[in-house]
PDB file of N, CA and C in Angstrom:
ATOM      1  N   UNK A   1      58.787 294.602  83.889  1.00  0.00           N
ATOM      2  CA  UNK A   1      58.848 295.608  83.619  1.00  0.00           C
ATOM      3  C   UNK A   1      59.944 295.725  82.775  1.00  0.00           C
ATOM      4  N   UNK A   2      60.354 296.568  82.546  1.00  0.00           N
ATOM      5  CA  UNK A   2      61.730 297.554  81.870  1.00  0.00           C
ATOM      6  C   UNK A   2      61.908 298.564  81.797  1.00  0.00           C
ATOM      7  N   UNK A   3      62.258 298.952  83.340  1.00  0.00           N
ATOM      8  CA  UNK A   3      63.084 300.015  82.936  1.00  0.00           C
ATOM      9  C   UNK A   3      64.320 300.841  82.379  1.00  0.00           C
ATOM     10  N   UNK A   4      63.715 301.819  80.962  1.00  0.00           N
ATOM     11  CA  UNK A   4      65.058 302.595  80.606  1.00  0.00           C
ATOM     12  C   UNK A   4      64.728 303.897  80.138  1.00  0.00           C
ATOM     13  N   UNK A   5      66.664 304.966  80.732  1.00  0.00           N
ATOM     14  CA  UNK A   5      66.915 306.239  80.497  1.00  0.00           C
ATOM     15  C   UNK A   5      68.144 306.203  79.873  1.00  0.00           C
ATOM     16  N   UNK A   6      68.534 307.371  79.263  1.00  0.00           N
ATOM     17  CA  UNK A   6      69.706 307.495  78.358  1.00  0.00           C
ATOM     18  C   UNK A   6      70.275 307.693  79.383  1.00  0.00           C
ATOM     19  N   UNK A   7      71.573 307.024  79.296  1.00  0.00           N
ATOM     20  CA  UNK A   7      73.118 307.011  80.316  1.00  0.00           C
ATOM     21  C   UNK A   7      73.890 308.618  80.493  1.00  0.00           C
ATOM     22  N   UNK A   8      73.466 308.702  81.459  1.00  0.00           N
ATOM     23  CA  UNK A   8      73.526 309.300  82.641  1.00  0.00           C
ATOM     24  C   UNK A   8      72.728 310.919  82.957  1.00  0.00           C
ATOM     25  N   UNK A   9      71.374 310.763  82.437  1.00  0.00           N
ATOM     26  CA  UNK A   9      70.598 310.626  82.287  1.00  0.00           C
ATOM     27  C   UNK A   9      69.613 311.450  84.038  1.00  0.00           C
ATOM     28  N   UNK A  10      69.630 312.723  83.882  1.00  0.00           N
ATOM     29  CA  UNK A  10      69.664 313.488  85.375  1.00  0.00           C
ATOM     30  C   UNK A  10      68.522 314.295  84.917  1.00  0.00           C
ATOM     31  N   UNK A  11      67.361 314.140  86.645  1.00  0.00           N
ATOM     32  CA  UNK A  11      66.065 315.434  86.777  1.00  0.00           C
ATOM     33  C   UNK A  11      65.953 315.327  87.993  1.00  0.00           C
ATOM     34  N   UNK A  12      65.103 315.823  88.012  1.00  0.00           N
ATOM     35  CA  UNK A  12      64.665 316.131  90.039  1.00  0.00           C
ATOM     36  C   UNK A  12      62.723 315.921  89.394  1.00  0.00           C
ATOM     37  N   UNK A  13      62.605 315.848  90.749  1.00  0.00           N
ATOM     38  CA  UNK A  13      60.899 315.764  90.721  1.00  0.00           C
ATOM     39  C   UNK A  13      60.958 315.019  92.268  1.00  0.00           C
ATOM     40  N   UNK A  14      59.593 315.170  92.258  1.00  0.00           N
ATOM     41  CA  UNK A  14      58.523 315.165  93.609  1.00  0.00           C
ATOM     42  C   UNK A  14      58.515 313.757  94.104  1.00  0.00           C
ATOM     43  N   UNK A  15      58.426 313.335  94.976  1.00  0.00           N
ATOM     44  CA  UNK A  15      58.005 312.192  95.785  1.00  0.00           C
ATOM     45  C   UNK A  15      57.668 312.158  96.406  1.00  0.00           C
ATOM     46  N   UNK A  16      56.163 311.344  97.246  1.00  0.00           N
ATOM     47  CA  UNK A  16      56.055 311.376  98.212  1.00  0.00           C
ATOM     48  C   UNK A  16      55.824 310.446  99.098  1.00  0.00           C
ATOM     49  N   UNK A  17      56.452 311.536 100.523  1.00  0.00           N
ATOM     50  CA  UNK A  17      56.964 310.763 101.781  1.00  0.00           C
ATOM     51  C   UNK A  17      56.243 310.153 102.143  1.00  0.00           C
ATOM     52  N   UNK A  18      54.565 309.487 101.888  1.00  0.00           N
ATOM     53  CA  UNK A  18      53.563 308.851 102.100  1.00  0.00           C
ATOM     54  C   UNK A  18      53.683 307.209 102.086  1.00  0.00           C
ATOM     55  N   UNK A  19      52.842 307.595 100.008  1.00  0.00           N
ATOM     56  CA  UNK A  19      53.170 305.951  99.491  1.00  0.00           C
ATOM     57  C   UNK A  19      54.443 305.877  98.304  1.00  0.00           C
ATOM     58  N   UNK A  20      55.916 307.256  98.336  1.00  0.00           N
ATOM     59  CA  UNK A  20      56.097 307.132  97.536  1.00  0.00           C
ATOM     60  C   UNK A  20      55.962 307.412  96.311  1.00  0.00           C
ATOM     61  N   UNK A  21      54.716 307.616  95.885  1.00  0.00           N
ATOM     62  CA  UNK A  21      54.993 308.035  94.594  1.00  0.00           C
ATOM     63  C   UNK A  21      55.999 308.458  93.990  1.00  0.00           C
ATOM     64  N   UNK A  22      56.006 308.904  92.776  1.00  0.00           N
ATOM     65  CA  UNK A  22      57.647 309.500  91.947  1.00  0.00           C
ATOM     66  C   UNK A  22      56.757 310.320  90.614  1.00  0.00           C
ATOM     67  N   UNK A  23      57.246 311.671  90.848  1.00  0.00           N
ATOM     68  CA  UNK A  23      56.407 312.629  89.142  1.00  0.00           C
ATOM     69  C   UNK A  23      57.624 313.494  89.093  1.00  0.00           C
ATOM     70  N   UNK A  24      57.850 313.205  88.092  1.00  0.00           N
ATOM     71  CA  UNK A  24      58.547 314.886  86.881  1.00  0.00           C
ATOM     72  C   UNK A  24      57.078 316.335  87.553  1.00  0.00           C
ATOM     73  N   UNK A  25      56.277 316.660  87.806  1.00  0.00           N
ATOM     74  CA  UNK A  25      56.314 317.745  87.954  1.00  0.00           C
ATOM     75  C   UNK A  25      55.386 317.700  88.619  1.00  0.00           C
ATOM     76  N   UNK A  26      55.331 319.124  89.194  1.00  0.00           N
ATOM     77  CA  UNK A  26      55.584 319.889  90.649  1.00  0.00           C
ATOM     78  C   UNK A  26      54.225 319.799  91.356  1.00  0.00           C
ATOM     79  N   UNK A  27      54.304 319.028  92.372  1.00  0.00           N
ATOM     80  CA  UNK A  27      52.906 318.652  92.635  1.00  0.00           C
ATOM     81  C   UNK A  27      52.962 319.117  94.063  1.00  0.00           C
ATOM     82  N   UNK A  28      52.545 319.391  94.988  1.00  0.00           N
ATOM     83  CA  UNK A  28      52.447 319.151  96.201  1.00  0.00           C
ATOM     84  C   UNK A  28      51.746 318.048  97.231  1.00  0.00           C
ATOM     85  N   UNK A  29      50.462 317.886  96.526  1.00  0.00           N
ATOM     86  CA  UNK A  29      49.708 316.785  97.012  1.00  0.00           C
ATOM     87  C   UNK A  29      49.896 315.109  96.029  1.00  0.00           C
ATOM     88  N   UNK A  30      49.811 314.379  96.957  1.00  0.00           N
ATOM     89  CA  UNK A  30      49.865 313.297  95.998  1.00  0.00           C
ATOM     90  C   UNK A  30      49.013 312.726  95.485  1.00  0.00           C
ATOM     91  N   UNK A  31      48.898 312.290  94.232  1.00  0.00           N
ATOM     92  CA  UNK A  31      47.674 311.997  93.334  1.00  0.00           C
ATOM     93  C   UNK A  31      47.133 311.264  93.922  1.00  0.00           C
ATOM     94  N   UNK A  32      47.596 310.021  94.323  1.00  0.00           N
ATOM     95  CA  UNK A  32      47.017 308.567  95.052  1.00  0.00           C
ATOM     96  C   UNK A  32      46.113 308.946  96.460  1.00  0.00           C
ATOM     97  N   UNK A  33      47.892 309.363  96.594  1.00  0.00           N
ATOM     98  CA  UNK A  33      46.950 309.262  98.893  1.00  0.00           C
ATOM     99  C   UNK A  33      46.875 310.392  99.413  1.00  0.00           C
ATOM    100  N   UNK A  34      47.349 311.362  99.076  1.00  0.00           N
ATOM    101  CA  UNK A  34      46.921 312.882  99.331  1.00  0.00           C
ATOM    102  C   UNK A  34      48.103 312.923 100.131  1.00  0.00           C
ATOM    103  N   UNK A  35      48.886 312.712 100.164  1.00  0.00           N
ATOM    104  CA  UNK A  35      50.444 312.605 101.392  1.00  0.00           C
ATOM    105  C   UNK A  35      51.116 313.803 100.586  1.00  0.00           C
ATOM    106  N   UNK A  36      51.894 314.752 101.401  1.00  0.00           N
ATOM    107  CA  UNK A  36      52.629 315.885 101.126  1.00  0.00           C
ATOM    108  C   UNK A  36      53.325 314.819  99.979  1.00  0.00           C
ATOM    109  N   UNK A  37      54.346 316.424  98.846  1.00  0.00           N
ATOM    110  CA  UNK A  37      55.395 315.536  97.867  1.00  0.00           C
ATOM    111  C   UNK A  37      56.731 316.463  98.671  1.00  0.00           C
ATOM    112  N   UNK A  38      57.943 316.247  98.434  1.00  0.00           N
ATOM    113  CA  UNK A  38      58.944 316.460  98.744  1.00  0.00           C
ATOM    114  C   UNK A  38      59.824 316.618  96.786  1.00  0.00           C
ATOM    115  N   UNK A  39      60.152 317.666  97.133  1.00  0.00           N
ATOM    116  CA  UNK A  39      61.345 317.874  96.213  1.00  0.00           C
ATOM    117  C   UNK A  39      62.671 316.760  95.561  1.00  0.00           C
ATOM    118  N   UNK A  40      62.861 315.888  95.251  1.00  0.00           N
ATOM    119  CA  UNK A  40      64.092 315.512  94.812  1.00  0.00           C
ATOM    120  C   UNK A  40      65.013 315.422  93.808  1.00  0.00           C
ATOM    121  N   UNK A  41      66.317 315.479  94.192  1.00  0.00           N
ATOM    122  CA  UNK A  41      67.900 315.678  92.697  1.00  0.00           C
ATOM    123  C   UNK A  41      67.482 314.610  92.472  1.00  0.00           C
ATOM    124  N   UNK A  42      67.262 313.723  92.631  1.00  0.00           N
ATOM    125  CA  UNK A  42      67.978 312.459  92.591  1.00  0.00           C
ATOM    126  C   UNK A  42      67.327 311.635  91.747  1.00  0.00           C
ATOM    127  N   UNK A  43      65.459 311.964  90.707  1.00  0.00           N
ATOM    128  CA  UNK A  43      64.463 311.258  90.130  1.00  0.00           C
ATOM    129  C   UNK A  43      65.096 310.076  89.536  1.00  0.00           C
ATOM    130  N   UNK A  44      65.880 310.068  88.717  1.00  0.00           N
ATOM    131  CA  UNK A  44      66.627 308.375  88.353  1.00  0.00           C
ATOM    132  C   UNK A  44      66.636 307.507  89.309  1.00  0.00           C
ATOM    133  N   UNK A  45      66.878 307.685  90.415  1.00  0.00           N
ATOM    134  CA  UNK A  45      68.262 306.920  91.431  1.00  0.00           C
ATOM    135  C   UNK A  45      66.587 306.521  92.256  1.00  0.00           C
ATOM    136  N   UNK A  46      66.082 306.535  92.139  1.00  0.00           N
ATOM    137  CA  UNK A  46      64.503 306.744  92.923  1.00  0.00           C
ATOM    138  C   UNK A  46      64.092 305.616  92.117  1.00  0.00           C
ATOM    139  N   UNK A  47      63.471 305.949  90.568  1.00  0.00           N
ATOM    140  CA  UNK A  47      63.418 305.046  90.177  1.00  0.00           C
ATOM    141  C   UNK A  47      63.721 303.804  89.105  1.00  0.00           C
ATOM    142  N   UNK A  48      65.033 303.782  89.779  1.00  0.00           N
ATOM    143  CA  UNK A  48      65.358 302.899  89.518  1.00  0.00           C
ATOM    144  C   UNK A  48      66.025 301.407  90.598  1.00  0.00           C
ATOM    145  N   UNK A  49      65.238 301.837  92.314  1.00  0.00           N
ATOM    146  CA  UNK A  49      65.885 301.717  93.515  1.00  0.00           C
ATOM    147  C   UNK A  49      64.952 301.021  93.502  1.00  0.00           C
ATOM    148  N   UNK A  50      63.361 301.864  92.798  1.00  0.00           N
ATOM    149  CA  UNK A  50      61.460 301.133  92.317  1.00  0.00           C
ATOM    150  C   UNK A  50      61.572 300.280  91.845  1.00  0.00           C
ATOM    151  N   UNK A  51      62.308 299.749  91.088  1.00  0.00           N
ATOM    152  CA  UNK A  51      61.886 299.314  89.442  1.00  0.00           C
ATOM    153  C   UNK A  51      62.866 297.467  90.103  1.00  0.00           C
ATOM    154  N   UNK A  52      63.728 297.946  90.885  1.00  0.00           N
ATOM    155  CA  UNK A  52      64.872 296.970  91.423  1.00  0.00           C
ATOM    156  C   UNK A  52      63.408 296.097  92.841  1.00  0.00           C
ATOM    157  N   UNK A  53      63.618 296.877  93.669  1.00  0.00           N
ATOM    158  CA  UNK A  53      62.027 295.889  94.754  1.00  0.00           C
ATOM    159  C   UNK A  53      61.073 295.211  93.604  1.00  0.00           C
ATOM    160  N   UNK A  54      60.820 296.204  92.632  1.00  0.00           N
ATOM    161  CA  UNK A  54      59.577 295.471  92.149  1.00  0.00           C
ATOM    162  C   UNK A  54      59.844 293.807  91.157  1.00  0.00           C
ATOM    163  N   UNK A  55      61.211 293.271  90.918  1.00  0.00           N
ATOM    164  CA  UNK A  55      61.303 292.489  90.274  1.00  0.00           C
ATOM    165  C   UNK A  55      62.163 292.601  88.613  1.00  0.00           C
ATOM    166  N   UNK A  56      62.012 294.741  88.225  1.00  0.00           N
ATOM    167  CA  UNK A  56      61.797 294.414  86.863  1.00  0.00           C
ATOM    168  C   UNK A  56      63.681 294.667  86.052  1.00  0.00           C
ATOM    169  N   UNK A  57      63.792 294.967  85.349  1.00  0.00           N
ATOM    170  CA  UNK A  57      64.773 294.589  84.606  1.00  0.00           C
ATOM    171  C   UNK A  57      64.878 296.610  84.081  1.00  0.00           C
ATOM    172  N   UNK A  58      66.285 296.398  84.255  1.00  0.00           N
ATOM    173  CA  UNK A  58      66.580 297.878  83.811  1.00  0.00           C
ATOM    174  C   UNK A  58      68.279 298.000  82.910  1.00  0.00           C
ATOM    175  N   UNK A  59      67.080 298.873  82.011  1.00  0.00           N
ATOM    176  CA  UNK A  59      68.752 299.284  80.488  1.00  0.00           C
ATOM    177  C   UNK A  59      69.274 300.691  80.490  1.00  0.00           C
ATOM    178  N   UNK A  60      70.167 300.784  80.829  1.00  0.00           N
ATOM    179  CA  UNK A  60      70.399 302.597  80.092  1.00  0.00           C
ATOM    180  C   UNK A  60      71.160 302.021  78.876  1.00  0.00           C
ATOM    181  N   UNK A  61      70.027 303.376  78.146  1.00  0.00           N
ATOM    182  CA  UNK A  61      71.265 303.347  76.949  1.00  0.00           C
ATOM    183  C   UNK A  61      71.576 304.251  76.475  1.00  0.00           C
ATOM    184  N   UNK A  62      72.760 303.923  76.143  1.00  0.00           N
ATOM    185  CA  UNK A  62      74.202 304.528  75.470  1.00  0.00           C
ATOM    186  C   UNK A  62      73.867 306.521  74.253  1.00  0.00           C
ATOM    187  N   UNK A  63      72.569 305.614  73.449  1.00  0.00           N
ATOM    188  CA  UNK A  63      71.927 306.790  72.763  1.00  0.00           C
ATOM    189  C   UNK A  63      71.060 306.832  71.791  1.00  0.00           C
ATOM    190  N   UNK A  64      70.324 307.281  72.154  1.00  0.00           N
ATOM    191  CA  UNK A  64      68.595 306.711  71.574  1.00  0.00           C
ATOM    192  C   UNK A  64      67.764 308.651  71.065  1.00  0.00           C
ATOM    193  N   UNK A  65      67.804 308.211  70.020  1.00  0.00           N
ATOM    194  CA  UNK A  65      67.163 310.193  70.223  1.00  0.00           C
ATOM    195  C   UNK A  65      65.653 309.994  70.450  1.00  0.00           C
ATOM    196  N   UNK A  66      64.998 309.219  69.901  1.00  0.00           N
ATOM    197  CA  UNK A  66      63.535 308.516  69.599  1.00  0.00           C
ATOM    198  C   UNK A  66      63.441 308.982  71.530  1.00  0.00           C
ATOM    199  N   UNK A  67      64.341 308.212  72.157  1.00  0.00           N
ATOM    200  CA  UNK A  67      63.753 308.283  74.022  1.00  0.00           C
ATOM    201  C   UNK A  67      64.255 309.465  74.565  1.00  0.00           C
ATOM    202  N   UNK A  68      65.625 309.917  73.561  1.00  0.00           N
ATOM    203  CA  UNK A  68      66.076 311.369  74.130  1.00  0.00           C
ATOM    204  C   UNK A  68      64.885 312.863  74.333  1.00  0.00           C
ATOM    205  N   UNK A  69      64.373 312.279  72.200  1.00  0.00           N
ATOM    206  CA  UNK A  69      62.862 313.536  72.667  1.00  0.00           C
ATOM    207  C   UNK A  69      62.195 312.791  73.260  1.00  0.00           C
ATOM    208  N   UNK A  70      61.906 312.395  74.137  1.00  0.00           N
ATOM    209  CA  UNK A  70      60.275 311.285  74.688  1.00  0.00           C
ATOM    210  C   UNK A  70      60.177 312.174  76.248  1.00  0.00           C
ATOM    211  N   UNK A  71      62.123 312.474  76.322  1.00  0.00           N
ATOM    212  CA  UNK A  71      62.464 312.718  77.802  1.00  0.00           C
ATOM    213  C   UNK A  71      63.616 312.004  78.517  1.00  0.00           C
ATOM    214  N   UNK A  72      64.000 311.802  78.231  1.00  0.00           N
ATOM    215  CA  UNK A  72      65.293 310.742  78.492  1.00  0.00           C
ATOM    216  C   UNK A  72      64.972 309.849  79.055  1.00  0.00           C
ATOM    217  N   UNK A  73      63.730 308.688  79.284  1.00  0.00           N
ATOM    218  CA  UNK A  73      63.341 307.687  79.945  1.00  0.00           C
ATOM    219  C   UNK A  73      61.457 307.406  80.174  1.00  0.00           C
ATOM    220  N   UNK A  74      62.055 305.812  79.833  1.00  0.00           N
ATOM    221  CA  UNK A  74      59.956 305.247  79.885  1.00  0.00           C
ATOM    222  C   UNK A  74      60.403 304.139  80.162  1.00  0.00           C
ATOM    223  N   UNK A  75      59.488 303.026  80.056  1.00  0.00           N
ATOM    224  CA  UNK A  75      59.714 301.907  80.400  1.00  0.00           C
ATOM    225  C   UNK A  75      58.417 300.705  79.335  1.00  0.00           C
ATOM    226  N   UNK A  76      59.047 299.658  79.297  1.00  0.00           N
ATOM    227  CA  UNK A  76      57.704 298.437  78.717  1.00  0.00           C
ATOM    228  C   UNK A  76      57.171 298.057  79.900  1.00  0.00           C
ATOM    229  N   UNK A  77      55.918 298.507  79.814  1.00  0.00           N
ATOM    230  CA  UNK A  77      55.203 296.619  80.970  1.00  0.00           C
ATOM    231  C   UNK A  77      54.752 296.396  80.797  1.00  0.00           C
ATOM    232  N   UNK A  78      54.373 295.458  81.888  1.00  0.00           N
ATOM    233  CA  UNK A  78      53.625 293.886  81.212  1.00  0.00           C
ATOM    234  C   UNK A  78      52.673 293.485  81.430  1.00  0.00           C
ATOM    235  N   UNK A  79      51.111 294.128  80.948  1.00  0.00           N
ATOM    236  CA  UNK A  79      49.559 293.592  81.001  1.00  0.00           C
ATOM    237  C   UNK A  79      49.324 293.343  80.592  1.00  0.00           C
TER     238      UNK A  79
END
């Protein structure tokens, strides 16, 4: 897997206190383990940390209109 995001990307979101699921959407209960979600102001830092823990690559993109239009963050998955 490769996590890609726009340089200086910042976004808040929610993280599960139990299973560590991350979401940009405001949800109070984790859809995977039903644990409680907490608001985080550093979503990209958590996503990058999880990617590294899973042995994934990270690529920071300086300027890409398509990626910016898609929300500034994305991933190439291996399946």
